[in-house]
């Protein structure tokens, strides 16, 4: 059977995408990353701890929003995301050939990328994009462990003595393995008979305000105290 020049297969490219559930209306991708970020940040404010959310919020406004806030999500591609990753870690050289601004560390770069990728994930779930253009980058920096310094018993004693009224607090941190943010202890957290001290709260200062919450399951501190 002859087919004219205006013949259109019933399963053309747009129709086939609809059948596979992959079709996205072009106008839905015209929303900017900044517009999506507003709702995304509101959701994160409800399910992240205050300290985590504060870090997320600062990273978005300082590192991600200046570059992508006014960009339509449909205009974001993998190459541009990889360029952003490279630029964030690169030292800025001034006219004299000297470094005028140090590049961001690997932790900041990975966090900024993760926020952008997560916002674009929400765009995919909302059927604004067929796929996430930020997934599949190949130039994320690797985190390198920092060298740790450990105090000797004599150094701990010297430091505790210098702390005067806070001597017990210094010894508690040194020998019970607690982190500073876990010092939100109450009398009921101390069990004298088995000599267990259980930290079930933490206290974190955010913008001059102390936020008392609970440690995450992975970081909950439980330490058997030494007698002094």
C-alpha atoms as a PDB file:
ATOM      1  CA  UNK A   1       0.000   0.000   0.000  1.00  0.00           C
ATOM      2  CA  UNK A   2       1.378   3.376  -1.045  1.00  0.00           C
ATOM      3  CA  UNK A   3       1.809   6.016   1.608  1.00  0.00           C
ATOM      4  CA  UNK A   4       1.656   9.713   0.853  1.00  0.00           C
ATOM      5  CA  UNK A   5       4.172  12.292   2.016  1.00  0.00           C
ATOM      6  CA  UNK A   6       1.826  13.361   4.829  1.00  0.00           C
ATOM      7  CA  UNK A   7       1.473   9.853   6.223  1.00  0.00           C
ATOM      8  CA  UNK A   8       2.130   9.695  10.009  1.00  0.00           C
ATOM      9  CA  UNK A   9       2.765   6.404  11.708  1.00  0.00           C
ATOM     10  CA  UNK A  10       0.241   5.872  14.534  1.00  0.00           C
ATOM     11  CA  UNK A  11       3.146   5.224  16.906  1.00  0.00           C
ATOM     12  CA  UNK A  12       5.337   8.217  16.107  1.00  0.00           C
ATOM     13  CA  UNK A  13       8.052   9.425  18.452  1.00  0.00           C
ATOM     14  CA  UNK A  14       5.696  11.411  20.676  1.00  0.00           C
ATOM     15  CA  UNK A  15       3.079   8.663  20.742  1.00  0.00           C
ATOM     16  CA  UNK A  16       5.655   5.968  21.507  1.00  0.00           C
ATOM     17  CA  UNK A  17       6.931   7.980  24.457  1.00  0.00           C
ATOM     18  CA  UNK A  18       3.367   8.286  25.713  1.00  0.00           C
ATOM     19  CA  UNK A  19       2.901   4.537  25.412  1.00  0.00           C
ATOM     20  CA  UNK A  20       6.111   3.970  27.398  1.00  0.00           C
ATOM     21  CA  UNK A  21       5.111   6.560  29.974  1.00  0.00           C
ATOM     22  CA  UNK A  22       8.113   8.763  29.085  1.00  0.00           C
ATOM     23  CA  UNK A  23       6.376  11.716  27.474  1.00  0.00           C
ATOM     24  CA  UNK A  24       6.826  15.099  29.156  1.00  0.00           C
ATOM     25  CA  UNK A  25       4.963  18.165  27.970  1.00  0.00           C
ATOM     26  CA  UNK A  26       7.612  20.688  26.822  1.00  0.00           C
ATOM     27  CA  UNK A  27       6.073  23.636  28.691  1.00  0.00           C
ATOM     28  CA  UNK A  28       6.490  21.879  32.057  1.00  0.00           C
ATOM     29  CA  UNK A  29      10.275  22.127  31.783  1.00  0.00           C
ATOM     30  CA  UNK A  30      10.157  25.924  31.546  1.00  0.00           C
ATOM     31  CA  UNK A  31      10.143  26.268  35.349  1.00  0.00           C
ATOM     32  CA  UNK A  32      13.432  27.465  36.850  1.00  0.00           C
ATOM     33  CA  UNK A  33      15.578  25.539  39.293  1.00  0.00           C
ATOM     34  CA  UNK A  34      15.043  28.349  41.794  1.00  0.00           C
ATOM     35  CA  UNK A  35      11.273  27.964  41.634  1.00  0.00           C
ATOM     36  CA  UNK A  36      11.591  24.232  42.253  1.00  0.00           C
ATOM     37  CA  UNK A  37      14.075  24.855  45.046  1.00  0.00           C
ATOM     38  CA  UNK A  38      11.541  26.859  47.065  1.00  0.00           C
ATOM     39  CA  UNK A  39       9.233  23.856  47.478  1.00  0.00           C
ATOM     40  CA  UNK A  40      12.153  21.440  47.803  1.00  0.00           C
ATOM     41  CA  UNK A  41      13.688  23.440  50.663  1.00  0.00           C
ATOM     42  CA  UNK A  42      10.347  23.608  52.448  1.00  0.00           C
ATOM     43  CA  UNK A  43      10.122  19.820  52.344  1.00  0.00           C
ATOM     44  CA  UNK A  44      13.683  19.489  53.624  1.00  0.00           C
ATOM     45  CA  UNK A  45      12.958  21.883  56.492  1.00  0.00           C
ATOM     46  CA  UNK A  46      10.360  19.422  57.772  1.00  0.00           C
ATOM     47  CA  UNK A  47      12.354  16.190  57.466  1.00  0.00           C
ATOM     48  CA  UNK A  48      15.943  17.298  58.206  1.00  0.00           C
ATOM     49  CA  UNK A  49      17.423  18.154  61.564  1.00  0.00           C
ATOM     50  CA  UNK A  50      17.932  21.927  62.055  1.00  0.00           C
ATOM     51  CA  UNK A  51      21.722  21.724  61.700  1.00  0.00           C
ATOM     52  CA  UNK A  52      21.495  19.634  58.535  1.00  0.00           C
ATOM     53  CA  UNK A  53      18.856  21.885  57.027  1.00  0.00           C
ATOM     54  CA  UNK A  54      20.898  24.992  57.813  1.00  0.00           C
ATOM     55  CA  UNK A  55      23.849  23.522  55.921  1.00  0.00           C
ATOM     56  CA  UNK A  56      21.570  22.576  53.010  1.00  0.00           C
ATOM     57  CA  UNK A  57      20.033  26.047  52.882  1.00  0.00           C
ATOM     58  CA  UNK A  58      23.379  27.863  53.002  1.00  0.00           C
ATOM     59  CA  UNK A  59      24.855  25.620  50.298  1.00  0.00           C
ATOM     60  CA  UNK A  60      21.911  26.267  47.985  1.00  0.00           C
ATOM     61  CA  UNK A  61      21.996  30.046  48.325  1.00  0.00           C
ATOM     62  CA  UNK A  62      25.788  30.366  48.264  1.00  0.00           C
ATOM     63  CA  UNK A  63      26.888  27.799  45.682  1.00  0.00           C
ATOM     64  CA  UNK A  64      23.935  26.537  43.634  1.00  0.00           C
ATOM     65  CA  UNK A  65      21.424  29.377  43.323  1.00  0.00           C
ATOM     66  CA  UNK A  66      23.850  31.941  41.828  1.00  0.00           C
ATOM     67  CA  UNK A  67      24.536  29.577  38.919  1.00  0.00           C
ATOM     68  CA  UNK A  68      21.254  27.726  38.428  1.00  0.00           C
ATOM     69  CA  UNK A  69      18.546  29.683  40.253  1.00  0.00           C
ATOM     70  CA  UNK A  70      17.277  31.496  37.152  1.00  0.00           C
ATOM     71  CA  UNK A  71      17.946  28.639  34.718  1.00  0.00           C
ATOM     72  CA  UNK A  72      15.058  26.672  33.269  1.00  0.00           C
ATOM     73  CA  UNK A  73      15.418  23.019  34.212  1.00  0.00           C
ATOM     74  CA  UNK A  74      15.001  21.995  30.579  1.00  0.00           C
ATOM     75  CA  UNK A  75      18.143  24.024  29.748  1.00  0.00           C
ATOM     76  CA  UNK A  76      20.383  22.232  32.275  1.00  0.00           C
ATOM     77  CA  UNK A  77      22.598  19.547  30.741  1.00  0.00           C
ATOM     78  CA  UNK A  78      25.284  17.167  31.942  1.00  0.00           C
ATOM     79  CA  UNK A  79      28.178  19.141  30.456  1.00  0.00           C
ATOM     80  CA  UNK A  80      27.119  22.304  32.280  1.00  0.00           C
ATOM     81  CA  UNK A  81      26.841  20.436  35.587  1.00  0.00           C
ATOM     82  CA  UNK A  82      30.329  18.969  35.156  1.00  0.00           C
ATOM     83  CA  UNK A  83      31.690  22.446  34.366  1.00  0.00           C
ATOM     84  CA  UNK A  84      30.162  23.759  37.593  1.00  0.00           C
ATOM     85  CA  UNK A  85      31.838  20.951  39.563  1.00  0.00           C
ATOM     86  CA  UNK A  86      35.178  21.777  37.954  1.00  0.00           C
ATOM     87  CA  UNK A  87      34.797  25.527  38.495  1.00  0.00           C
ATOM     88  CA  UNK A  88      33.898  25.146  42.176  1.00  0.00           C
ATOM     89  CA  UNK A  89      37.086  23.232  42.897  1.00  0.00           C
ATOM     90  CA  UNK A  90      39.333  25.488  40.823  1.00  0.00           C
ATOM     91  CA  UNK A  91      41.409  28.258  42.366  1.00  0.00           C
ATOM     92  CA  UNK A  92      40.696  31.681  40.891  1.00  0.00           C
ATOM     93  CA  UNK A  93      43.819  33.326  39.449  1.00  0.00           C
ATOM     94  CA  UNK A  94      44.067  37.122  39.459  1.00  0.00           C
ATOM     95  CA  UNK A  95      45.707  39.372  36.848  1.00  0.00           C
ATOM     96  CA  UNK A  96      49.102  38.995  38.522  1.00  0.00           C
ATOM     97  CA  UNK A  97      48.999  35.246  38.093  1.00  0.00           C
ATOM     98  CA  UNK A  98      48.489  34.590  41.784  1.00  0.00           C
ATOM     99  CA  UNK A  99      45.668  32.667  43.412  1.00  0.00           C
ATOM    100  CA  UNK A 100      43.133  35.164  44.757  1.00  0.00           C
ATOM    101  CA  UNK A 101      40.436  32.727  45.886  1.00  0.00           C
ATOM    102  CA  UNK A 102      40.813  29.125  46.918  1.00  0.00           C
ATOM    103  CA  UNK A 103      38.455  26.629  45.348  1.00  0.00           C
ATOM    104  CA  UNK A 104      35.819  24.853  47.434  1.00  0.00           C
ATOM    105  CA  UNK A 105      36.754  21.622  49.155  1.00  0.00           C
ATOM    106  CA  UNK A 106      35.473  18.241  48.057  1.00  0.00           C
ATOM    107  CA  UNK A 107      32.803  18.118  50.788  1.00  0.00           C
ATOM    108  CA  UNK A 108      31.267  21.430  49.677  1.00  0.00           C
ATOM    109  CA  UNK A 109      31.403  20.483  45.984  1.00  0.00           C
ATOM    110  CA  UNK A 110      29.758  17.107  46.586  1.00  0.00           C
ATOM    111  CA  UNK A 111      27.075  18.702  48.772  1.00  0.00           C
ATOM    112  CA  UNK A 112      26.279  21.408  46.194  1.00  0.00           C
ATOM    113  CA  UNK A 113      26.070  18.837  43.419  1.00  0.00           C
ATOM    114  CA  UNK A 114      23.819  16.630  45.556  1.00  0.00           C
ATOM    115  CA  UNK A 115      21.395  19.490  46.154  1.00  0.00           C
ATOM    116  CA  UNK A 116      21.138  20.330  42.452  1.00  0.00           C
ATOM    117  CA  UNK A 117      20.705  16.665  41.536  1.00  0.00           C
ATOM    118  CA  UNK A 118      18.019  16.202  44.200  1.00  0.00           C
ATOM    119  CA  UNK A 119      16.063  19.235  42.960  1.00  0.00           C
ATOM    120  CA  UNK A 120      16.201  17.867  39.422  1.00  0.00           C
ATOM    121  CA  UNK A 121      15.090  14.470  40.750  1.00  0.00           C
ATOM    122  CA  UNK A 122      11.961  16.198  42.023  1.00  0.00           C
ATOM    123  CA  UNK A 123      11.448  17.670  38.560  1.00  0.00           C
ATOM    124  CA  UNK A 124      11.548  14.159  37.082  1.00  0.00           C
ATOM    125  CA  UNK A 125       9.039  12.894  39.656  1.00  0.00           C
ATOM    126  CA  UNK A 126       6.749  15.825  38.828  1.00  0.00           C
ATOM    127  CA  UNK A 127       6.937  14.901  35.121  1.00  0.00           C
ATOM    128  CA  UNK A 128       8.725  18.120  34.244  1.00  0.00           C
ATOM    129  CA  UNK A 129      11.793  16.299  32.864  1.00  0.00           C
ATOM    130  CA  UNK A 130      12.082  12.871  31.234  1.00  0.00           C
ATOM    131  CA  UNK A 131      15.354  12.218  33.062  1.00  0.00           C
ATOM    132  CA  UNK A 132      17.759  13.933  35.425  1.00  0.00           C
ATOM    133  CA  UNK A 133      20.543  15.686  33.438  1.00  0.00           C
ATOM    134  CA  UNK A 134      22.762  15.892  36.554  1.00  0.00           C
ATOM    135  CA  UNK A 135      23.011  12.148  37.077  1.00  0.00           C
ATOM    136  CA  UNK A 136      26.020  10.410  35.596  1.00  0.00           C
ATOM    137  CA  UNK A 137      28.706  13.041  36.198  1.00  0.00           C
ATOM    138  CA  UNK A 138      32.245  11.698  36.112  1.00  0.00           C
ATOM    139  CA  UNK A 139      34.287  14.423  37.793  1.00  0.00           C
ATOM    140  CA  UNK A 140      33.058  14.531  41.384  1.00  0.00           C
ATOM    141  CA  UNK A 141      36.039  15.003  43.715  1.00  0.00           C
ATOM    142  CA  UNK A 142      36.964  12.302  46.176  1.00  0.00           C
ATOM    143  CA  UNK A 143      36.966  12.921  49.890  1.00  0.00           C
ATOM    144  CA  UNK A 144      40.376  12.411  51.427  1.00  0.00           C
ATOM    145  CA  UNK A 145      40.537  11.532  55.120  1.00  0.00           C
ATOM    146  CA  UNK A 146      42.238  14.163  57.227  1.00  0.00           C
ATOM    147  CA  UNK A 147      45.070  13.121  59.533  1.00  0.00           C
ATOM    148  CA  UNK A 148      43.980  12.819  63.147  1.00  0.00           C
ATOM    149  CA  UNK A 149      45.901  13.906  66.199  1.00  0.00           C
ATOM    150  CA  UNK A 150      45.448  12.034  69.470  1.00  0.00           C
ATOM    151  CA  UNK A 151      46.383  13.359  72.887  1.00  0.00           C
ATOM    152  CA  UNK A 152      48.397  11.370  75.393  1.00  0.00           C
ATOM    153  CA  UNK A 153      47.071  10.839  78.926  1.00  0.00           C
ATOM    154  CA  UNK A 154      49.457  13.507  80.207  1.00  0.00           C
ATOM    155  CA  UNK A 155      48.254  15.991  77.599  1.00  0.00           C
ATOM    156  CA  UNK A 156      44.611  15.310  78.486  1.00  0.00           C
ATOM    157  CA  UNK A 157      45.361  15.869  82.175  1.00  0.00           C
ATOM    158  CA  UNK A 158      47.198  19.121  81.420  1.00  0.00           C
ATOM    159  CA  UNK A 159      44.377  20.362  79.221  1.00  0.00           C
ATOM    160  CA  UNK A 160      41.750  19.402  81.834  1.00  0.00           C
ATOM    161  CA  UNK A 161      43.651  21.198  84.596  1.00  0.00           C
ATOM    162  CA  UNK A 162      43.824  24.342  82.467  1.00  0.00           C
ATOM    163  CA  UNK A 163      40.050  24.164  81.945  1.00  0.00           C
ATOM    164  CA  UNK A 164      39.584  24.683  85.729  1.00  0.00           C
ATOM    165  CA  UNK A 165      35.808  24.587  86.378  1.00  0.00           C
ATOM    166  CA  UNK A 166      35.293  22.629  83.158  1.00  0.00           C
ATOM    167  CA  UNK A 167      37.835  19.945  84.086  1.00  0.00           C
ATOM    168  CA  UNK A 168      35.225  17.187  84.390  1.00  0.00           C
ATOM    169  CA  UNK A 169      33.731  18.149  81.039  1.00  0.00           C
ATOM    170  CA  UNK A 170      37.112  17.865  79.315  1.00  0.00           C
ATOM    171  CA  UNK A 171      37.728  14.435  80.866  1.00  0.00           C
ATOM    172  CA  UNK A 172      34.250  13.333  79.834  1.00  0.00           C
ATOM    173  CA  UNK A 173      34.875  14.303  76.222  1.00  0.00           C
ATOM    174  CA  UNK A 174      38.337  12.764  76.191  1.00  0.00           C
ATOM    175  CA  UNK A 175      37.597   9.395  77.767  1.00  0.00           C
ATOM    176  CA  UNK A 176      33.932   8.729  77.005  1.00  0.00           C
ATOM    177  CA  UNK A 177      34.168   9.349  73.265  1.00  0.00           C
ATOM    178  CA  UNK A 178      31.427  11.963  73.220  1.00  0.00           C
ATOM    179  CA  UNK A 179      31.218  14.695  70.620  1.00  0.00           C
ATOM    180  CA  UNK A 180      30.796  18.297  71.738  1.00  0.00           C
ATOM    181  CA  UNK A 181      27.226  18.482  70.386  1.00  0.00           C
ATOM    182  CA  UNK A 182      26.279  15.486  72.532  1.00  0.00           C
ATOM    183  CA  UNK A 183      26.793  17.455  75.739  1.00  0.00           C
ATOM    184  CA  UNK A 184      23.083  17.881  76.459  1.00  0.00           C
ATOM    185  CA  UNK A 185      23.114  15.496  79.399  1.00  0.00           C
ATOM    186  CA  UNK A 186      20.587  15.118  82.195  1.00  0.00           C
ATOM    187  CA  UNK A 187      20.796  13.331  85.525  1.00  0.00           C
ATOM    188  CA  UNK A 188      18.664  10.457  84.248  1.00  0.00           C
ATOM    189  CA  UNK A 189      21.211   9.832  81.471  1.00  0.00           C
ATOM    190  CA  UNK A 190      23.721   8.618  84.078  1.00  0.00           C
ATOM    191  CA  UNK A 191      23.434   5.073  85.462  1.00  0.00           C
ATOM    192  CA  UNK A 192      25.909   4.769  88.338  1.00  0.00           C
ATOM    193  CA  UNK A 193      25.710   1.034  89.032  1.00  0.00           C
ATOM    194  CA  UNK A 194      26.856  -0.257  85.627  1.00  0.00           C
ATOM    195  CA  UNK A 195      28.685   3.062  85.085  1.00  0.00           C
ATOM    196  CA  UNK A 196      26.916   3.844  81.837  1.00  0.00           C
ATOM    197  CA  UNK A 197      26.443   7.347  80.476  1.00  0.00           C
ATOM    198  CA  UNK A 198      23.920   7.461  77.646  1.00  0.00           C
ATOM    199  CA  UNK A 199      23.671  10.537  75.435  1.00  0.00           C
ATOM    200  CA  UNK A 200      20.174  10.637  73.957  1.00  0.00           C
ATOM    201  CA  UNK A 201      20.091  14.362  73.197  1.00  0.00           C
ATOM    202  CA  UNK A 202      22.338  16.789  71.416  1.00  0.00           C
ATOM    203  CA  UNK A 203      22.495  20.553  71.495  1.00  0.00           C
ATOM    204  CA  UNK A 204      23.582  22.481  68.414  1.00  0.00           C
ATOM    205  CA  UNK A 205      23.968  26.247  68.106  1.00  0.00           C
ATOM    206  CA  UNK A 206      22.469  27.689  64.936  1.00  0.00           C
ATOM    207  CA  UNK A 207      22.428  31.465  64.483  1.00  0.00           C
ATOM    208  CA  UNK A 208      22.987  32.064  68.221  1.00  0.00           C
ATOM    209  CA  UNK A 209      20.117  29.749  69.106  1.00  0.00           C
ATOM    210  CA  UNK A 210      20.616  26.412  70.870  1.00  0.00           C
ATOM    211  CA  UNK A 211      18.591  23.647  69.220  1.00  0.00           C
ATOM    212  CA  UNK A 212      18.100  20.566  71.381  1.00  0.00           C
ATOM    213  CA  UNK A 213      17.335  17.419  69.437  1.00  0.00           C
ATOM    214  CA  UNK A 214      18.215  13.759  69.154  1.00  0.00           C
ATOM    215  CA  UNK A 215      21.322  12.234  67.579  1.00  0.00           C
ATOM    216  CA  UNK A 216      20.842  10.221  64.421  1.00  0.00           C
ATOM    217  CA  UNK A 217      20.797   6.428  64.943  1.00  0.00           C
ATOM    218  CA  UNK A 218      24.246   6.139  63.348  1.00  0.00           C
ATOM    219  CA  UNK A 219      25.815   8.734  65.612  1.00  0.00           C
ATOM    220  CA  UNK A 220      24.101   8.030  68.944  1.00  0.00           C
ATOM    221  CA  UNK A 221      26.767   8.090  71.612  1.00  0.00           C
ATOM    222  CA  UNK A 222      26.798   5.418  74.302  1.00  0.00           C
ATOM    223  CA  UNK A 223      29.958   5.286  76.389  1.00  0.00           C
ATOM    224  CA  UNK A 224      31.080   3.514  79.542  1.00  0.00           C
ATOM    225  CA  UNK A 225      32.735   6.179  81.657  1.00  0.00           C
ATOM    226  CA  UNK A 226      36.071   5.654  83.331  1.00  0.00           C
ATOM    227  CA  UNK A 227      36.444   6.438  86.997  1.00  0.00           C
ATOM    228  CA  UNK A 228      38.697   9.395  87.688  1.00  0.00           C
END
